[in-house]
Amino acid sequence: MKIYFGHSKGFDYKKELYAPIRNSELNKQHEIIFPHETEGFINSKNIIKDCDLMIAEVSFPATGLGIELGWAEMLGKRVFCVYKKGSKISGSLKVVTNNFIEYSDSDDLAKKVREYLGT
């Protein structure tokens, strides 16, 4: 499965999101795409168009992430949101998806994403 992970730039996403997912079984079983893993511009709209699933880390509000979620919804892509325990997430996310997963730390995040995907 081809999975796009959207997120805010408002946290240490390379350490808290990219590393635990890359170091998990998910990375071996799926094609994982992170928007800021390489330098330079990426066209996330085209990437989302070609993906099977968009996972959005929504602990931190971000305009760019909201735009990407809108594209995913418009393109009929399956979306689910993950957020760190204690985060106040936007109620408007429910317009895009009803699938939300709360996690406690990076290891818990990878575990819960694997469980959601059934892998």
N, C-alpha and C. Protein backbone atom coordinates (compact mmCIF):
# COMPACT_ATOMS: atom_id res chain seq x y z
N MET A 1 0.85 -1.17 0.00
CA MET A 1 0.00 0.00 0.00
C MET A 1 0.89 1.23 0.00
N LYS A 2 0.50 2.24 -0.76
CA LYS A 2 1.23 3.50 -0.82
C LYS A 2 0.57 4.48 0.15
N ILE A 3 1.36 4.94 1.15
CA ILE A 3 0.82 5.77 2.23
C ILE A 3 1.56 7.10 2.29
N TYR A 4 0.79 8.18 2.27
CA TYR A 4 1.35 9.52 2.45
C TYR A 4 1.07 9.98 3.87
N PHE A 5 2.12 10.44 4.57
CA PHE A 5 1.98 10.97 5.93
C PHE A 5 2.06 12.49 5.87
N GLY A 6 0.95 13.17 6.15
CA GLY A 6 0.96 14.61 6.23
C GLY A 6 1.12 15.05 7.68
N HIS A 7 1.69 16.24 7.88
CA HIS A 7 1.92 16.73 9.24
C HIS A 7 2.28 18.20 9.23
N SER A 8 2.25 18.77 10.41
CA SER A 8 2.70 20.14 10.63
C SER A 8 4.23 20.17 10.70
N LYS A 9 4.80 21.34 10.50
CA LYS A 9 6.23 21.52 10.74
C LYS A 9 6.48 21.98 12.18
N GLY A 10 5.41 22.03 12.99
CA GLY A 10 5.48 22.59 14.34
C GLY A 10 6.01 21.68 15.42
N PHE A 11 6.68 20.59 15.05
CA PHE A 11 7.28 19.69 16.04
C PHE A 11 8.46 18.99 15.38
N ASP A 12 9.20 18.21 16.15
CA ASP A 12 10.37 17.52 15.62
C ASP A 12 9.91 16.27 14.86
N TYR A 13 9.32 16.48 13.69
CA TYR A 13 8.70 15.39 12.94
C TYR A 13 9.70 14.34 12.48
N LYS A 14 10.93 14.73 12.22
CA LYS A 14 11.93 13.73 11.79
C LYS A 14 12.21 12.72 12.89
N LYS A 15 12.26 13.20 14.12
CA LYS A 15 12.52 12.31 15.26
C LYS A 15 11.25 11.62 15.74
N GLU A 16 10.16 12.36 15.85
CA GLU A 16 8.94 11.83 16.47
C GLU A 16 8.01 11.09 15.51
N LEU A 17 8.15 11.31 14.20
CA LEU A 17 7.26 10.67 13.23
C LEU A 17 8.05 9.83 12.22
N TYR A 18 8.98 10.45 11.53
CA TYR A 18 9.69 9.74 10.47
C TYR A 18 10.50 8.56 11.00
N ALA A 19 11.33 8.79 12.02
CA ALA A 19 12.21 7.72 12.53
C ALA A 19 11.43 6.51 13.02
N PRO A 20 10.40 6.68 13.86
CA PRO A 20 9.70 5.47 14.34
C PRO A 20 8.98 4.70 13.23
N ILE A 21 8.47 5.40 12.23
CA ILE A 21 7.79 4.72 11.13
C ILE A 21 8.81 4.03 10.23
N ARG A 22 9.90 4.71 9.91
CA ARG A 22 10.95 4.12 9.08
C ARG A 22 11.59 2.90 9.75
N ASN A 23 11.66 2.92 11.08
CA ASN A 23 12.29 1.81 11.82
C ASN A 23 11.31 0.71 12.20
N SER A 24 10.09 0.78 11.69
CA SER A 24 9.07 -0.21 12.03
C SER A 24 8.82 -1.15 10.85
N GLU A 25 8.03 -2.17 11.11
CA GLU A 25 7.64 -3.11 10.06
C GLU A 25 6.85 -2.41 8.95
N LEU A 26 6.18 -1.31 9.28
CA LEU A 26 5.40 -0.58 8.28
C LEU A 26 6.26 -0.21 7.08
N ASN A 27 7.50 0.19 7.33
CA ASN A 27 8.39 0.62 6.27
C ASN A 27 8.73 -0.53 5.33
N LYS A 28 8.73 -1.75 5.83
CA LYS A 28 9.03 -2.93 5.00
C LYS A 28 7.80 -3.39 4.23
N GLN A 29 6.62 -3.15 4.79
CA GLN A 29 5.39 -3.68 4.22
C GLN A 29 4.66 -2.71 3.29
N HIS A 30 4.98 -1.43 3.38
CA HIS A 30 4.27 -0.41 2.62
C HIS A 30 5.24 0.59 2.02
N GLU A 31 4.79 1.29 1.00
CA GLU A 31 5.56 2.40 0.45
C GLU A 31 5.15 3.65 1.22
N ILE A 32 6.04 4.15 2.05
CA ILE A 32 5.76 5.29 2.92
C ILE A 32 6.37 6.55 2.31
N ILE A 33 5.57 7.60 2.24
CA ILE A 33 6.04 8.88 1.69
C ILE A 33 5.86 9.96 2.75
N PHE A 34 6.98 10.62 3.10
CA PHE A 34 6.98 11.76 4.01
C PHE A 34 7.30 13.02 3.21
N PRO A 35 6.58 14.10 3.42
CA PRO A 35 6.76 15.30 2.59
C PRO A 35 8.08 16.03 2.77
N HIS A 36 8.72 15.92 3.92
CA HIS A 36 9.94 16.71 4.16
C HIS A 36 11.15 15.82 4.41
N GLU A 37 11.12 14.65 3.82
CA GLU A 37 12.25 13.73 4.01
C GLU A 37 13.43 14.10 3.12
N THR A 38 13.15 14.70 2.00
CA THR A 38 14.20 15.14 1.09
C THR A 38 14.09 16.65 0.92
N GLU A 39 15.17 17.24 0.48
CA GLU A 39 15.19 18.69 0.25
C GLU A 39 14.45 19.02 -1.04
N GLY A 40 13.94 20.22 -1.11
CA GLY A 40 13.30 20.68 -2.33
C GLY A 40 11.80 20.53 -2.30
N PHE A 41 11.18 21.07 -3.33
CA PHE A 41 9.72 21.09 -3.45
C PHE A 41 9.20 19.72 -3.88
N ILE A 42 8.11 19.30 -3.26
CA ILE A 42 7.39 18.13 -3.74
C ILE A 42 5.96 18.56 -4.01
N ASN A 43 5.35 17.95 -4.99
CA ASN A 43 3.97 18.26 -5.31
C ASN A 43 3.09 17.27 -4.56
N SER A 44 2.71 17.64 -3.35
CA SER A 44 1.96 16.71 -2.50
C SER A 44 0.59 16.37 -3.09
N LYS A 45 0.01 17.26 -3.86
CA LYS A 45 -1.28 16.97 -4.47
C LYS A 45 -1.18 15.77 -5.41
N ASN A 46 -0.13 15.74 -6.23
CA ASN A 46 0.06 14.61 -7.14
C ASN A 46 0.41 13.34 -6.38
N ILE A 47 1.16 13.46 -5.31
CA ILE A 47 1.50 12.29 -4.50
C ILE A 47 0.24 11.72 -3.86
N ILE A 48 -0.58 12.58 -3.29
CA ILE A 48 -1.83 12.13 -2.66
C ILE A 48 -2.73 11.46 -3.70
N LYS A 49 -2.75 12.01 -4.89
CA LYS A 49 -3.58 11.44 -5.97
C LYS A 49 -3.19 9.98 -6.24
N ASP A 50 -1.90 9.67 -6.12
CA ASP A 50 -1.40 8.33 -6.41
C ASP A 50 -1.34 7.41 -5.20
N CYS A 51 -1.72 7.90 -4.03
CA CYS A 51 -1.65 7.09 -2.81
C CYS A 51 -2.95 6.33 -2.55
N ASP A 52 -2.82 5.30 -1.75
CA ASP A 52 -3.98 4.52 -1.31
C ASP A 52 -4.58 5.09 -0.03
N LEU A 53 -3.74 5.75 0.76
CA LEU A 53 -4.14 6.20 2.09
C LEU A 53 -3.35 7.43 2.47
N MET A 54 -4.00 8.37 3.16
CA MET A 54 -3.30 9.49 3.77
C MET A 54 -3.46 9.39 5.27
N ILE A 55 -2.33 9.39 5.96
CA ILE A 55 -2.33 9.46 7.42
C ILE A 55 -1.89 10.87 7.78
N ALA A 56 -2.67 11.54 8.62
CA ALA A 56 -2.36 12.92 9.02
C ALA A 56 -2.06 12.96 10.51
N GLU A 57 -0.88 13.47 10.86
CA GLU A 57 -0.52 13.70 12.25
C GLU A 57 -1.06 15.09 12.57
N VAL A 58 -2.12 15.16 13.38
CA VAL A 58 -2.88 16.40 13.56
C VAL A 58 -2.74 17.02 14.95
N SER A 59 -1.68 16.66 15.67
CA SER A 59 -1.48 17.23 17.01
C SER A 59 -1.23 18.72 16.97
N PHE A 60 -0.70 19.22 15.87
CA PHE A 60 -0.36 20.63 15.73
C PHE A 60 -1.08 21.18 14.49
N PRO A 61 -1.88 22.24 14.64
CA PRO A 61 -2.60 22.79 13.49
C PRO A 61 -1.62 23.33 12.44
N ALA A 62 -1.99 23.17 11.17
CA ALA A 62 -1.14 23.66 10.08
C ALA A 62 -2.00 23.89 8.84
N THR A 63 -1.85 25.04 8.25
CA THR A 63 -2.61 25.37 7.05
C THR A 63 -2.31 24.40 5.91
N GLY A 64 -1.03 24.12 5.69
CA GLY A 64 -0.64 23.21 4.61
C GLY A 64 -1.24 21.83 4.78
N LEU A 65 -1.25 21.33 5.99
CA LEU A 65 -1.85 20.02 6.27
C LEU A 65 -3.35 20.06 5.99
N GLY A 66 -4.00 21.15 6.36
CA GLY A 66 -5.43 21.28 6.07
C GLY A 66 -5.72 21.25 4.58
N ILE A 67 -4.86 21.89 3.80
CA ILE A 67 -5.02 21.87 2.35
C ILE A 67 -4.85 20.45 1.83
N GLU A 68 -3.82 19.75 2.30
CA GLU A 68 -3.60 18.37 1.87
C GLU A 68 -4.78 17.47 2.25
N LEU A 69 -5.32 17.66 3.43
CA LEU A 69 -6.49 16.86 3.83
C LEU A 69 -7.68 17.15 2.92
N GLY A 70 -7.84 18.40 2.53
CA GLY A 70 -8.91 18.75 1.60
C GLY A 70 -8.73 18.07 0.26
N TRP A 71 -7.49 18.05 -0.24
CA TRP A 71 -7.22 17.36 -1.50
C TRP A 71 -7.54 15.87 -1.38
N ALA A 72 -7.08 15.26 -0.29
CA ALA A 72 -7.31 13.82 -0.10
C ALA A 72 -8.81 13.52 -0.08
N GLU A 73 -9.56 14.33 0.63
CA GLU A 73 -11.01 14.12 0.71
C GLU A 73 -11.64 14.32 -0.66
N MET A 74 -11.24 15.36 -1.36
CA MET A 74 -11.77 15.66 -2.69
C MET A 74 -11.45 14.53 -3.68
N LEU A 75 -10.29 13.92 -3.53
CA LEU A 75 -9.87 12.84 -4.43
C LEU A 75 -10.43 11.48 -4.02
N GLY A 76 -11.20 11.46 -2.91
CA GLY A 76 -11.81 10.21 -2.46
C GLY A 76 -10.83 9.25 -1.81
N LYS A 77 -9.75 9.77 -1.27
CA LYS A 77 -8.75 8.93 -0.62
C LYS A 77 -9.17 8.62 0.81
N ARG A 78 -8.79 7.45 1.26
CA ARG A 78 -9.03 7.08 2.66
C ARG A 78 -8.07 7.90 3.51
N VAL A 79 -8.59 8.47 4.60
CA VAL A 79 -7.81 9.32 5.48
C VAL A 79 -8.01 8.86 6.92
N PHE A 80 -6.94 8.82 7.68
CA PHE A 80 -7.11 8.73 9.12
C PHE A 80 -6.10 9.62 9.80
N CYS A 81 -6.51 10.12 10.96
CA CYS A 81 -5.72 11.09 11.71
C CYS A 81 -5.18 10.46 12.97
N VAL A 82 -3.94 10.80 13.27
CA VAL A 82 -3.31 10.39 14.52
C VAL A 82 -2.94 11.65 15.28
N TYR A 83 -3.01 11.56 16.61
CA TYR A 83 -2.65 12.72 17.42
C TYR A 83 -2.11 12.25 18.76
N LYS A 84 -1.19 13.04 19.30
CA LYS A 84 -0.56 12.72 20.57
C LYS A 84 -1.51 13.00 21.72
N LYS A 85 -1.52 12.10 22.68
CA LYS A 85 -2.38 12.24 23.86
C LYS A 85 -2.20 13.62 24.48
N GLY A 86 -3.31 14.27 24.78
CA GLY A 86 -3.29 15.60 25.38
C GLY A 86 -3.40 16.73 24.37
N SER A 87 -3.33 16.41 23.09
CA SER A 87 -3.45 17.44 22.05
C SER A 87 -4.90 17.87 21.89
N LYS A 88 -5.09 19.14 21.58
CA LYS A 88 -6.42 19.65 21.28
C LYS A 88 -6.53 19.72 19.76
N ILE A 89 -7.29 18.80 19.19
CA ILE A 89 -7.39 18.75 17.73
C ILE A 89 -8.64 19.48 17.26
N SER A 90 -8.59 19.92 16.03
CA SER A 90 -9.68 20.68 15.45
C SER A 90 -10.90 19.81 15.20
N GLY A 91 -12.06 20.30 15.58
CA GLY A 91 -13.31 19.60 15.32
C GLY A 91 -13.65 19.52 13.85
N SER A 92 -13.10 20.43 13.05
CA SER A 92 -13.39 20.43 11.62
C SER A 92 -12.77 19.24 10.90
N LEU A 93 -11.86 18.53 11.54
CA LEU A 93 -11.28 17.33 10.93
C LEU A 93 -12.34 16.26 10.67
N LYS A 94 -13.42 16.30 11.44
CA LYS A 94 -14.48 15.31 11.27
C LYS A 94 -15.21 15.45 9.94
N VAL A 95 -15.00 16.54 9.24
CA VAL A 95 -15.57 16.71 7.91
C VAL A 95 -14.83 15.80 6.92
N VAL A 96 -13.55 15.54 7.20
CA VAL A 96 -12.70 14.76 6.32
C VAL A 96 -12.71 13.27 6.67
N THR A 97 -12.77 12.95 7.95
CA THR A 97 -12.70 11.55 8.38
C THR A 97 -13.32 11.37 9.76
N ASN A 98 -13.71 10.16 10.04
CA ASN A 98 -14.15 9.79 11.38
C ASN A 98 -13.15 8.85 12.03
N ASN A 99 -12.01 8.66 11.38
CA ASN A 99 -10.98 7.73 11.87
C ASN A 99 -9.88 8.50 12.58
N PHE A 100 -9.82 8.37 13.90
CA PHE A 100 -8.84 9.06 14.73
C PHE A 100 -8.18 8.06 15.67
N ILE A 101 -6.88 8.20 15.84
CA ILE A 101 -6.15 7.35 16.77
C ILE A 101 -5.29 8.23 17.66
N GLU A 102 -5.43 8.05 18.96
CA GLU A 102 -4.60 8.75 19.94
C GLU A 102 -3.42 7.86 20.29
N TYR A 103 -2.23 8.46 20.39
CA TYR A 103 -1.03 7.70 20.77
C TYR A 103 -0.31 8.42 21.89
N SER A 104 0.51 7.66 22.63
CA SER A 104 1.20 8.24 23.78
C SER A 104 2.65 8.65 23.48
N ASP A 105 3.32 7.92 22.60
CA ASP A 105 4.70 8.23 22.24
C ASP A 105 4.99 7.65 20.86
N SER A 106 6.19 7.82 20.37
CA SER A 106 6.53 7.40 19.01
C SER A 106 6.36 5.90 18.79
N ASP A 107 6.75 5.10 19.77
CA ASP A 107 6.60 3.65 19.63
C ASP A 107 5.12 3.27 19.58
N ASP A 108 4.32 3.91 20.42
CA ASP A 108 2.88 3.66 20.43
C ASP A 108 2.26 4.07 19.10
N LEU A 109 2.75 5.15 18.51
CA LEU A 109 2.26 5.60 17.21
C LEU A 109 2.45 4.51 16.16
N ALA A 110 3.67 4.01 16.04
CA ALA A 110 3.95 2.97 15.04
C ALA A 110 3.10 1.73 15.29
N LYS A 111 2.96 1.35 16.54
CA LYS A 111 2.15 0.17 16.90
C LYS A 111 0.69 0.37 16.49
N LYS A 112 0.13 1.53 16.78
CA LYS A 112 -1.28 1.76 16.49
C LYS A 112 -1.54 1.92 14.99
N VAL A 113 -0.60 2.46 14.26
CA VAL A 113 -0.76 2.53 12.81
C VAL A 113 -0.73 1.11 12.23
N ARG A 114 0.19 0.27 12.70
CA ARG A 114 0.23 -1.13 12.25
C ARG A 114 -1.09 -1.82 12.55
N GLU A 115 -1.63 -1.62 13.75
CA GLU A 115 -2.90 -2.24 14.12
C GLU A 115 -4.03 -1.75 13.22
N TYR A 116 -4.05 -0.45 12.93
CA TYR A 116 -5.10 0.10 12.08
C TYR A 116 -5.04 -0.54 10.69
N LEU A 117 -3.83 -0.73 10.18
CA LEU A 117 -3.66 -1.29 8.85
C LEU A 117 -3.78 -2.80 8.82
N GLY A 118 -3.81 -3.40 10.01
CA GLY A 118 -3.93 -4.86 10.09
C GLY A 118 -2.66 -5.57 9.68
N THR A 119 -1.50 -4.91 9.91
CA THR A 119 -0.22 -5.53 9.55
C THR A 119 0.63 -5.80 10.75
